[in-house]
Amino acid sequence: MSQYYFPHGSRLPFFGSASLFVLMAGAAATLNGASAGGWMLGAGFLLLCTLFLLWFGQIIHENQAGLYNDQVGRSFRMGMMWFIFSEVMFFAAFFGALFYARQLSVPWLGGGGEKAVTGLLWPGFEASWPSNGPGALSPREDGTYEIIPAFGLPAVNTMLLLTSGLTLTIAHHALKEGHRTMLKIFLALTFLLGFTFLGVQAHEYGEAYTVHGLQLGTGIYGSTFFMLTGFHGLHVTVGAIMLVVIWLRCMKGHFTPRQHFAFEAVAWYWHFVDVVWLGLFIFVYWL
């Protein structure tokens, strides 16, 4: 039976628990309007980033020291698979909320379907999507807002992410074939495309708030739009940072054509982010 690596004692799990507590307390305080909520939330994010830096740095050091064997590698793979599965369920919940609101709740409020509630809530409510809720919730004086056209900035971002998936695949094949220069170039292109995506999305959000009158509080449409695209943007941010770390490790020669699971794990995550965006583009922007 193969030997398994048992990690030494570490205070990082306790540090992580404290970081998450500060983060969640700060989020709760911010949502309830507490004056110190923003500071606590920022401190929580800073502590969480410090945790990731210390913990992953320790794992990289142990891996480079040759402390891990094939059994540890299999456990890492299973852990990454379950993590991505949990992310799939996370986004499935938000897509489910979008489906429920669009296909069920709005028609019911308009008097259609088995659970029609005509005249019970808001007289004159129009059962159409996108919905602005029971009243004019837009910041505009006339209470109207505009949706983000699919074949504008969202289409540009779709091309950026699809291209990044291609460059990452090329980089992966270059790593397996020992082409180090091609690996470094195409991996760098991948995270540059990711950060460009985030820049375009930030510009889109600015236009949504200032030009289109679309905000987080603009009815159920505004809520679902910003929750889905916002959390996806957060995942792109995390994925792009992970790609930068992997690129730096490639620059140091950490990976071989046969031993490069960290690269594969980040690639799995990035392709997952690409697939989620395709769903967003189709069901949030287009249809």
C-alpha atoms as a PDB file:
ATOM      1  CA  MET A   1       0.000   0.000   0.000  1.00  0.00           C
ATOM      2  CA  SER A   2       1.370   3.423  -0.979  1.00  0.00           C
ATOM      3  CA  GLN A   3       2.345   5.931   1.671  1.00  0.00           C
ATOM      4  CA  TYR A   4       0.050   8.911   2.141  1.00  0.00           C
ATOM      5  CA  TYR A   5       1.262  12.373   3.057  1.00  0.00           C
ATOM      6  CA  PHE A   6      -0.049  13.636   6.396  1.00  0.00           C
ATOM      7  CA  PRO A   7       0.276  17.413   6.684  1.00  0.00           C
ATOM      8  CA  HIS A   8       1.854  18.905   9.775  1.00  0.00           C
ATOM      9  CA  GLY A   9      -0.129  20.901  12.310  1.00  0.00           C
ATOM     10  CA  SER A  10      -1.320  24.250  11.001  1.00  0.00           C
ATOM     11  CA  ARG A  11      -3.103  27.300  12.413  1.00  0.00           C
ATOM     12  CA  LEU A  12      -4.432  28.258   8.982  1.00  0.00           C
ATOM     13  CA  PRO A  13      -7.841  26.531   9.421  1.00  0.00           C
ATOM     14  CA  PHE A  14      -8.464  28.620  12.539  1.00  0.00           C
ATOM     15  CA  PHE A  15      -7.289  31.730  10.706  1.00  0.00           C
ATOM     16  CA  GLY A  16      -9.663  30.852   7.868  1.00  0.00           C
ATOM     17  CA  SER A  17     -12.614  30.447  10.249  1.00  0.00           C
ATOM     18  CA  ALA A  18     -11.911  33.852  11.789  1.00  0.00           C
ATOM     19  CA  SER A  19     -11.591  35.412   8.324  1.00  0.00           C
ATOM     20  CA  LEU A  20     -14.941  34.032   7.196  1.00  0.00           C
ATOM     21  CA  PHE A  21     -16.585  35.204  10.411  1.00  0.00           C
ATOM     22  CA  VAL A  22     -15.331  38.775   9.905  1.00  0.00           C
ATOM     23  CA  LEU A  23     -16.363  38.648   6.239  1.00  0.00           C
ATOM     24  CA  MET A  24     -19.920  37.469   6.942  1.00  0.00           C
ATOM     25  CA  ALA A  25     -20.340  39.815   9.917  1.00  0.00           C
ATOM     26  CA  GLY A  26     -19.202  42.695   7.716  1.00  0.00           C
ATOM     27  CA  ALA A  27     -21.630  41.678   4.969  1.00  0.00           C
ATOM     28  CA  ALA A  28     -24.529  41.472   7.444  1.00  0.00           C
ATOM     29  CA  ALA A  29     -23.597  44.824   8.989  1.00  0.00           C
ATOM     30  CA  THR A  30     -23.347  46.449   5.559  1.00  0.00           C
ATOM     31  CA  LEU A  31     -26.752  45.156   4.466  1.00  0.00           C
ATOM     32  CA  ASN A  32     -28.280  46.500   7.684  1.00  0.00           C
ATOM     33  CA  GLY A  33     -26.729  49.943   7.218  1.00  0.00           C
ATOM     34  CA  ALA A  34     -24.202  49.806  10.057  1.00  0.00           C
ATOM     35  CA  SER A  35     -21.523  52.486   9.832  1.00  0.00           C
ATOM     36  CA  ALA A  36     -18.687  50.024  10.412  1.00  0.00           C
ATOM     37  CA  GLY A  37     -20.062  47.438   7.977  1.00  0.00           C
ATOM     38  CA  GLY A  38     -17.929  48.522   5.031  1.00  0.00           C
ATOM     39  CA  TRP A  39     -14.740  48.429   7.094  1.00  0.00           C
ATOM     40  CA  MET A  40     -15.525  44.969   8.444  1.00  0.00           C
ATOM     41  CA  LEU A  41     -16.388  43.690   4.979  1.00  0.00           C
ATOM     42  CA  GLY A  42     -13.121  45.038   3.562  1.00  0.00           C
ATOM     43  CA  ALA A  43     -11.150  43.560   6.452  1.00  0.00           C
ATOM     44  CA  GLY A  44     -12.820  40.204   5.854  1.00  0.00           C
ATOM     45  CA  PHE A  45     -11.856  40.208   2.185  1.00  0.00           C
ATOM     46  CA  LEU A  46      -8.284  41.185   3.086  1.00  0.00           C
ATOM     47  CA  LEU A  47      -8.028  38.382   5.657  1.00  0.00           C
ATOM     48  CA  LEU A  48      -9.477  35.868   3.173  1.00  0.00           C
ATOM     49  CA  CYS A  49      -6.957  36.903   0.494  1.00  0.00           C
ATOM     50  CA  THR A  50      -4.169  36.519   3.054  1.00  0.00           C
ATOM     51  CA  LEU A  51      -5.443  33.037   3.878  1.00  0.00           C
ATOM     52  CA  PHE A  52      -5.361  32.002   0.207  1.00  0.00           C
ATOM     53  CA  LEU A  53      -1.875  33.416  -0.209  1.00  0.00           C
ATOM     54  CA  LEU A  54      -0.497  31.563   2.812  1.00  0.00           C
ATOM     55  CA  TRP A  55      -2.344  28.276   2.312  1.00  0.00           C
ATOM     56  CA  PHE A  56      -1.773  27.843  -1.417  1.00  0.00           C
ATOM     57  CA  GLY A  57       1.810  29.019  -1.003  1.00  0.00           C
ATOM     58  CA  GLN A  58       2.324  26.244   1.545  1.00  0.00           C
ATOM     59  CA  ILE A  59       0.804  23.639  -0.799  1.00  0.00           C
ATOM     60  CA  ILE A  60       3.021  24.782  -3.681  1.00  0.00           C
ATOM     61  CA  HIS A  61       6.082  24.558  -1.425  1.00  0.00           C
ATOM     62  CA  GLU A  62       5.164  21.039  -0.289  1.00  0.00           C
ATOM     63  CA  ASN A  63       4.549  19.937  -3.871  1.00  0.00           C
ATOM     64  CA  GLN A  64       7.886  21.298  -5.073  1.00  0.00           C
ATOM     65  CA  ALA A  65       9.583  19.561  -2.146  1.00  0.00           C
ATOM     66  CA  GLY A  66       8.314  16.213  -3.462  1.00  0.00           C
ATOM     67  CA  LEU A  67       6.113  15.442  -0.459  1.00  0.00           C
ATOM     68  CA  TYR A  68       3.074  14.423  -2.538  1.00  0.00           C
ATOM     69  CA  ASN A  69       2.519  11.085  -4.255  1.00  0.00           C
ATOM     70  CA  ASP A  70      -0.066   9.679  -6.686  1.00  0.00           C
ATOM     71  CA  GLN A  71      -2.638   9.122  -3.929  1.00  0.00           C
ATOM     72  CA  VAL A  72      -2.457  12.783  -2.928  1.00  0.00           C
ATOM     73  CA  GLY A  73      -2.800  13.719  -6.597  1.00  0.00           C
ATOM     74  CA  ARG A  74      -5.984  11.658  -6.881  1.00  0.00           C
ATOM     75  CA  SER A  75      -7.428  13.341  -3.797  1.00  0.00           C
ATOM     76  CA  PHE A  76      -6.657  16.739  -5.322  1.00  0.00           C
ATOM     77  CA  ARG A  77      -8.474  15.747  -8.498  1.00  0.00           C
ATOM     78  CA  MET A  78     -11.529  14.531  -6.634  1.00  0.00           C
ATOM     79  CA  GLY A  79     -11.544  17.687  -4.530  1.00  0.00           C
ATOM     80  CA  MET A  80     -11.468  19.902  -7.633  1.00  0.00           C
ATOM     81  CA  MET A  81     -14.241  17.875  -9.276  1.00  0.00           C
ATOM     82  CA  TRP A  82     -16.506  18.257  -6.254  1.00  0.00           C
ATOM     83  CA  PHE A  83     -15.667  21.949  -6.007  1.00  0.00           C
ATOM     84  CA  ILE A  84     -16.708  22.550  -9.622  1.00  0.00           C
ATOM     85  CA  PHE A  85     -19.854  20.476  -9.032  1.00  0.00           C
ATOM     86  CA  SER A  86     -20.729  22.742  -6.095  1.00  0.00           C
ATOM     87  CA  GLU A  87     -20.215  25.753  -8.381  1.00  0.00           C
ATOM     88  CA  VAL A  88     -22.538  24.189 -10.953  1.00  0.00           C
ATOM     89  CA  MET A  89     -25.221  23.868  -8.259  1.00  0.00           C
ATOM     90  CA  PHE A  90     -24.569  27.460  -7.163  1.00  0.00           C
ATOM     91  CA  PHE A  91     -25.300  28.854 -10.610  1.00  0.00           C
ATOM     92  CA  ALA A  92     -28.138  26.380 -11.125  1.00  0.00           C
ATOM     93  CA  ALA A  93     -29.928  28.015  -8.188  1.00  0.00           C
ATOM     94  CA  PHE A  94     -29.688  31.469  -9.787  1.00  0.00           C
ATOM     95  CA  PHE A  95     -30.692  30.192 -13.227  1.00  0.00           C
ATOM     96  CA  GLY A  96     -33.600  28.442 -11.508  1.00  0.00           C
ATOM     97  CA  ALA A  97     -34.646  31.727  -9.882  1.00  0.00           C
ATOM     98  CA  LEU A  98     -34.554  33.401 -13.299  1.00  0.00           C
ATOM     99  CA  PHE A  99     -36.675  30.620 -14.826  1.00  0.00           C
ATOM    100  CA  TYR A 100     -39.179  30.698 -11.951  1.00  0.00           C
ATOM    101  CA  ALA A 101     -39.615  34.463 -12.111  1.00  0.00           C
ATOM    102  CA  ARG A 102     -39.801  34.642 -15.885  1.00  0.00           C
ATOM    103  CA  GLN A 103     -41.864  31.565 -16.737  1.00  0.00           C
ATOM    104  CA  LEU A 104     -44.055  31.175 -13.643  1.00  0.00           C
ATOM    105  CA  SER A 105     -44.300  34.148 -11.279  1.00  0.00           C
ATOM    106  CA  VAL A 106     -44.749  36.908 -13.851  1.00  0.00           C
ATOM    107  CA  PRO A 107     -47.511  35.045 -15.776  1.00  0.00           C
ATOM    108  CA  TRP A 108     -49.291  34.236 -12.485  1.00  0.00           C
ATOM    109  CA  LEU A 109     -49.234  37.887 -11.453  1.00  0.00           C
ATOM    110  CA  GLY A 110     -50.684  38.776 -14.846  1.00  0.00           C
ATOM    111  CA  GLY A 111     -53.610  36.403 -14.468  1.00  0.00           C
ATOM    112  CA  GLY A 112     -52.321  33.410 -16.390  1.00  0.00           C
ATOM    113  CA  GLY A 113     -51.632  29.847 -15.331  1.00  0.00           C
ATOM    114  CA  GLU A 114     -53.010  27.753 -12.496  1.00  0.00           C
ATOM    115  CA  LYS A 115     -52.067  30.219  -9.740  1.00  0.00           C
ATOM    116  CA  ALA A 116     -53.392  33.419 -11.275  1.00  0.00           C
ATOM    117  CA  VAL A 117     -53.694  36.330  -8.834  1.00  0.00           C
ATOM    118  CA  THR A 118     -55.281  39.002 -11.017  1.00  0.00           C
ATOM    119  CA  GLY A 119     -56.174  42.150  -9.113  1.00  0.00           C
ATOM    120  CA  LEU A 120     -54.854  40.816  -5.816  1.00  0.00           C
ATOM    121  CA  LEU A 121     -51.509  42.593  -5.781  1.00  0.00           C
ATOM    122  CA  TRP A 122     -50.914  45.408  -8.286  1.00  0.00           C
ATOM    123  CA  PRO A 123     -53.685  46.653 -10.586  1.00  0.00           C
ATOM    124  CA  GLY A 124     -52.485  47.276 -14.094  1.00  0.00           C
ATOM    125  CA  PHE A 125     -49.491  44.961 -13.789  1.00  0.00           C
ATOM    126  CA  GLU A 126     -48.221  43.830 -17.192  1.00  0.00           C
ATOM    127  CA  ALA A 127     -47.125  40.208 -17.334  1.00  0.00           C
ATOM    128  CA  SER A 128     -44.219  40.749 -19.692  1.00  0.00           C
ATOM    129  CA  TRP A 129     -40.493  40.143 -19.469  1.00  0.00           C
ATOM    130  CA  PRO A 130     -38.402  42.009 -18.552  1.00  0.00           C
ATOM    131  CA  SER A 131     -40.536  43.106 -15.632  1.00  0.00           C
ATOM    132  CA  ASN A 132     -39.990  46.226 -13.533  1.00  0.00           C
ATOM    133  CA  GLY A 133     -41.999  44.911 -10.619  1.00  0.00           C
ATOM    134  CA  PRO A 134     -45.130  46.455  -9.081  1.00  0.00           C
ATOM    135  CA  GLY A 135     -44.113  50.031  -9.851  1.00  0.00           C
ATOM    136  CA  ALA A 136     -41.564  52.257 -11.492  1.00  0.00           C
ATOM    137  CA  LEU A 137     -38.359  51.263  -9.717  1.00  0.00           C
ATOM    138  CA  SER A 138     -35.988  52.774 -12.258  1.00  0.00           C
ATOM    139  CA  PRO A 139     -33.983  55.851 -11.194  1.00  0.00           C
ATOM    140  CA  ARG A 140     -35.309  57.682 -14.235  1.00  0.00           C
ATOM    141  CA  GLU A 141     -38.046  60.227 -13.739  1.00  0.00           C
ATOM    142  CA  ASP A 142     -40.435  58.335 -16.006  1.00  0.00           C
ATOM    143  CA  GLY A 143     -39.680  55.050 -14.241  1.00  0.00           C
ATOM    144  CA  THR A 144     -38.524  53.263 -17.400  1.00  0.00           C
ATOM    145  CA  TYR A 145     -35.304  51.404 -18.098  1.00  0.00           C
ATOM    146  CA  GLU A 146     -33.644  49.681 -21.028  1.00  0.00           C
ATOM    147  CA  ILE A 147     -32.195  46.190 -21.247  1.00  0.00           C
ATOM    148  CA  ILE A 148     -28.610  45.607 -22.331  1.00  0.00           C
ATOM    149  CA  PRO A 149     -28.647  44.585 -26.029  1.00  0.00           C
ATOM    150  CA  ALA A 150     -27.183  41.108 -26.486  1.00  0.00           C
ATOM    151  CA  PHE A 151     -25.260  41.868 -29.657  1.00  0.00           C
ATOM    152  CA  GLY A 152     -23.285  44.740 -28.222  1.00  0.00           C
ATOM    153  CA  LEU A 153     -20.859  44.516 -25.320  1.00  0.00           C
ATOM    154  CA  PRO A 154     -22.165  41.070 -24.231  1.00  0.00           C
ATOM    155  CA  ALA A 155     -21.343  39.668 -27.680  1.00  0.00           C
ATOM    156  CA  VAL A 156     -17.850  41.187 -27.435  1.00  0.00           C
ATOM    157  CA  ASN A 157     -17.379  39.542 -24.034  1.00  0.00           C
ATOM    158  CA  THR A 158     -18.612  36.232 -25.425  1.00  0.00           C
ATOM    159  CA  MET A 159     -15.937  36.331 -28.107  1.00  0.00           C
ATOM    160  CA  LEU A 160     -13.312  37.261 -25.495  1.00  0.00           C
ATOM    161  CA  LEU A 161     -14.147  34.294 -23.278  1.00  0.00           C
ATOM    162  CA  LEU A 162     -14.439  31.810 -26.139  1.00  0.00           C
ATOM    163  CA  THR A 163     -11.068  32.979 -27.444  1.00  0.00           C
ATOM    164  CA  SER A 164      -9.566  32.640 -23.970  1.00  0.00           C
ATOM    165  CA  GLY A 165     -10.780  29.041 -23.832  1.00  0.00           C
ATOM    166  CA  LEU A 166      -9.004  28.399 -27.139  1.00  0.00           C
ATOM    167  CA  THR A 167      -5.740  30.017 -26.019  1.00  0.00           C
ATOM    168  CA  LEU A 168      -5.826  28.033 -22.768  1.00  0.00           C
ATOM    169  CA  THR A 169      -6.310  24.771 -24.687  1.00  0.00           C
ATOM    170  CA  ILE A 170      -3.357  25.635 -26.922  1.00  0.00           C
ATOM    171  CA  ALA A 171      -1.260  26.406 -23.835  1.00  0.00           C
ATOM    172  CA  HIS A 172      -2.245  23.070 -22.291  1.00  0.00           C
ATOM    173  CA  HIS A 173      -1.199  21.136 -25.395  1.00  0.00           C
ATOM    174  CA  ALA A 174       2.050  23.116 -25.502  1.00  0.00           C
ATOM    175  CA  LEU A 175       2.768  22.104 -21.907  1.00  0.00           C
ATOM    176  CA  LYS A 176       2.140  18.421 -22.618  1.00  0.00           C
ATOM    177  CA  GLU A 177       4.401  18.569 -25.687  1.00  0.00           C
ATOM    178  CA  GLY A 178       7.179  20.480 -23.928  1.00  0.00           C
ATOM    179  CA  HIS A 179       6.864  23.729 -25.915  1.00  0.00           C
ATOM    180  CA  ARG A 180       7.630  26.114 -23.062  1.00  0.00           C
ATOM    181  CA  THR A 181       7.676  29.352 -25.076  1.00  0.00           C
ATOM    182  CA  MET A 182       4.281  28.676 -26.648  1.00  0.00           C
ATOM    183  CA  LEU A 183       2.952  27.696 -23.236  1.00  0.00           C
ATOM    184  CA  LYS A 184       3.980  31.007 -21.657  1.00  0.00           C
ATOM    185  CA  ILE A 185       2.675  33.134 -24.538  1.00  0.00           C
ATOM    186  CA  PHE A 186      -0.758  31.545 -24.840  1.00  0.00           C
ATOM    187  CA  LEU A 187      -1.264  31.289 -21.084  1.00  0.00           C
ATOM    188  CA  ALA A 188      -0.491  34.998 -20.778  1.00  0.00           C
ATOM    189  CA  LEU A 189      -2.966  35.719 -23.587  1.00  0.00           C
ATOM    190  CA  THR A 190      -5.593  33.758 -21.645  1.00  0.00           C
ATOM    191  CA  PHE A 191      -5.468  35.818 -18.465  1.00  0.00           C
ATOM    192  CA  LEU A 192      -5.127  39.065 -20.452  1.00  0.00           C
ATOM    193  CA  LEU A 193      -8.359  38.166 -22.255  1.00  0.00           C
ATOM    194  CA  GLY A 194      -9.938  37.429 -18.880  1.00  0.00           C
ATOM    195  CA  PHE A 195      -9.013  40.816 -17.449  1.00  0.00           C
ATOM    196  CA  THR A 196     -10.200  42.477 -20.673  1.00  0.00           C
ATOM    197  CA  PHE A 197     -13.548  40.740 -20.186  1.00  0.00           C
ATOM    198  CA  LEU A 198     -13.782  42.256 -16.707  1.00  0.00           C
ATOM    199  CA  GLY A 199     -12.974  45.712 -18.058  1.00  0.00           C
ATOM    200  CA  VAL A 200     -15.722  45.431 -20.674  1.00  0.00           C
ATOM    201  CA  GLN A 201     -18.175  44.206 -18.030  1.00  0.00           C
ATOM    202  CA  ALA A 202     -17.315  47.136 -15.739  1.00  0.00           C
ATOM    203  CA  HIS A 203     -17.989  49.505 -18.652  1.00  0.00           C
ATOM    204  CA  GLU A 204     -21.284  47.706 -19.306  1.00  0.00           C
ATOM    205  CA  TYR A 205     -22.315  48.108 -15.661  1.00  0.00           C
ATOM    206  CA  GLY A 206     -21.486  51.816 -15.814  1.00  0.00           C
ATOM    207  CA  GLU A 207     -23.693  52.249 -18.876  1.00  0.00           C
ATOM    208  CA  ALA A 208     -26.468  50.196 -17.274  1.00  0.00           C
ATOM    209  CA  TYR A 209     -26.563  52.461 -14.212  1.00  0.00           C
ATOM    210  CA  THR A 210     -26.048  55.838 -15.913  1.00  0.00           C
ATOM    211  CA  VAL A 211     -27.535  55.403 -19.401  1.00  0.00           C
ATOM    212  CA  HIS A 212     -30.027  52.531 -19.381  1.00  0.00           C
ATOM    213  CA  GLY A 213     -31.539  53.139 -15.938  1.00  0.00           C
ATOM    214  CA  LEU A 214     -30.945  49.490 -15.028  1.00  0.00           C
ATOM    215  CA  GLN A 215     -29.824  48.911 -11.444  1.00  0.00           C
ATOM    216  CA  LEU A 216     -29.803  46.135  -8.862  1.00  0.00           C
ATOM    217  CA  GLY A 217     -33.079  47.401  -7.396  1.00  0.00           C
ATOM    218  CA  THR A 218     -34.838  47.742 -10.745  1.00  0.00           C
ATOM    219  CA  GLY A 219     -37.432  45.052 -10.171  1.00  0.00           C
ATOM    220  CA  ILE A 220     -36.920  41.322 -10.539  1.00  0.00           C
ATOM    221  CA  TYR A 221     -35.158  41.779 -13.859  1.00  0.00           C
ATOM    222  CA  GLY A 222     -32.497  44.059 -12.393  1.00  0.00           C
ATOM    223  CA  SER A 223     -31.999  41.727  -9.426  1.00  0.00           C
ATOM    224  CA  THR A 224     -31.555  38.566 -11.477  1.00  0.00           C
ATOM    225  CA  PHE A 225     -29.434  40.332 -14.104  1.00  0.00           C
ATOM    226  CA  PHE A 226     -26.873  41.718 -11.653  1.00  0.00           C
ATOM    227  CA  MET A 227     -26.845  38.653  -9.421  1.00  0.00           C
ATOM    228  CA  LEU A 228     -26.089  36.297 -12.314  1.00  0.00           C
ATOM    229  CA  THR A 229     -23.644  38.487 -14.224  1.00  0.00           C
ATOM    230  CA  GLY A 230     -22.067  39.851 -11.035  1.00  0.00           C
ATOM    231  CA  PHE A 231     -21.309  36.456  -9.519  1.00  0.00           C
ATOM    232  CA  HIS A 232     -20.003  35.294 -12.883  1.00  0.00           C
ATOM    233  CA  GLY A 233     -17.718  38.322 -12.996  1.00  0.00           C
ATOM    234  CA  LEU A 234     -16.454  37.396  -9.532  1.00  0.00           C
ATOM    235  CA  HIS A 235     -15.648  33.896 -10.787  1.00  0.00           C
ATOM    236  CA  VAL A 236     -13.833  35.337 -13.800  1.00  0.00           C
ATOM    237  CA  THR A 237     -11.787  37.505 -11.427  1.00  0.00           C
ATOM    238  CA  VAL A 238     -10.818  34.495  -9.314  1.00  0.00           C
ATOM    239  CA  GLY A 239     -10.049  32.436 -12.437  1.00  0.00           C
ATOM    240  CA  ALA A 240      -7.892  35.177 -13.967  1.00  0.00           C
ATOM    241  CA  ILE A 241      -5.877  35.491 -10.734  1.00  0.00           C
ATOM    242  CA  MET A 242      -5.416  31.717 -10.697  1.00  0.00           C
ATOM    243  CA  LEU A 243      -4.179  31.861 -14.307  1.00  0.00           C
ATOM    244  CA  VAL A 244      -1.636  34.532 -13.352  1.00  0.00           C
ATOM    245  CA  VAL A 245      -0.351  32.328 -10.514  1.00  0.00           C
ATOM    246  CA  ILE A 246      -0.076  29.339 -12.841  1.00  0.00           C
ATOM    247  CA  TRP A 247       1.724  31.490 -15.431  1.00  0.00           C
ATOM    248  CA  LEU A 248       4.253  32.593 -12.810  1.00  0.00           C
ATOM    249  CA  ARG A 249       4.783  28.964 -11.846  1.00  0.00           C
ATOM    250  CA  CYS A 250       5.310  28.087 -15.512  1.00  0.00           C
ATOM    251  CA  MET A 251       7.925  30.847 -15.707  1.00  0.00           C
ATOM    252  CA  LYS A 252       9.730  29.138 -12.821  1.00  0.00           C
ATOM    253  CA  GLY A 253       9.493  25.735 -14.511  1.00  0.00           C
ATOM    254  CA  HIS A 254       7.289  24.097 -11.891  1.00  0.00           C
ATOM    255  CA  PHE A 255       5.373  21.854 -14.312  1.00  0.00           C
ATOM    256  CA  THR A 256       6.395  18.930 -16.494  1.00  0.00           C
ATOM    257  CA  PRO A 257       4.514  17.331 -19.404  1.00  0.00           C
ATOM    258  CA  ARG A 258       3.365  14.550 -17.050  1.00  0.00           C
ATOM    259  CA  GLN A 259       3.048  16.359 -13.705  1.00  0.00           C
ATOM    260  CA  HIS A 260       0.914  19.501 -13.960  1.00  0.00           C
ATOM    261  CA  PHE A 261      -2.356  18.964 -12.134  1.00  0.00           C
ATOM    262  CA  ALA A 262      -2.471  22.551 -10.818  1.00  0.00           C
ATOM    263  CA  PHE A 263      -2.534  23.722 -14.440  1.00  0.00           C
ATOM    264  CA  GLU A 264      -5.298  21.242 -15.280  1.00  0.00           C
ATOM    265  CA  ALA A 265      -7.373  22.272 -12.257  1.00  0.00           C
ATOM    266  CA  VAL A 266      -7.279  25.932 -13.287  1.00  0.00           C
ATOM    267  CA  ALA A 267      -8.097  24.936 -16.878  1.00  0.00           C
ATOM    268  CA  TRP A 268     -11.158  22.987 -15.692  1.00  0.00           C
ATOM    269  CA  TYR A 269     -12.318  25.975 -13.706  1.00  0.00           C
ATOM    270  CA  TRP A 270     -11.801  28.397 -16.608  1.00  0.00           C
ATOM    271  CA  HIS A 271     -13.711  26.227 -19.051  1.00  0.00           C
ATOM    272  CA  PHE A 272     -16.537  25.975 -16.496  1.00  0.00           C
ATOM    273  CA  VAL A 273     -16.623  29.788 -16.333  1.00  0.00           C
ATOM    274  CA  ASP A 274     -16.824  29.884 -20.150  1.00  0.00           C
ATOM    275  CA  VAL A 275     -19.793  27.500 -20.222  1.00  0.00           C
ATOM    276  CA  VAL A 276     -21.664  29.497 -17.562  1.00  0.00           C
ATOM    277  CA  TRP A 277     -21.187  32.668 -19.603  1.00  0.00           C
ATOM    278  CA  LEU A 278     -22.691  31.015 -22.675  1.00  0.00           C
ATOM    279  CA  GLY A 279     -25.772  30.222 -20.587  1.00  0.00           C
ATOM    280  CA  LEU A 280     -25.897  33.818 -19.378  1.00  0.00           C
ATOM    281  CA  PHE A 281     -25.554  35.214 -22.874  1.00  0.00           C
ATOM    282  CA  ILE A 282     -28.401  33.059 -24.169  1.00  0.00           C
ATOM    283  CA  PHE A 283     -30.915  33.209 -21.301  1.00  0.00           C
ATOM    284  CA  VAL A 284     -30.176  36.635 -19.768  1.00  0.00           C
ATOM    285  CA  TYR A 285     -29.128  38.818 -22.697  1.00  0.00           C
ATOM    286  CA  TRP A 286     -30.519  37.167 -25.826  1.00  0.00           C
ATOM    287  CA  LEU A 287     -33.826  35.354 -25.194  1.00  0.00           C
END
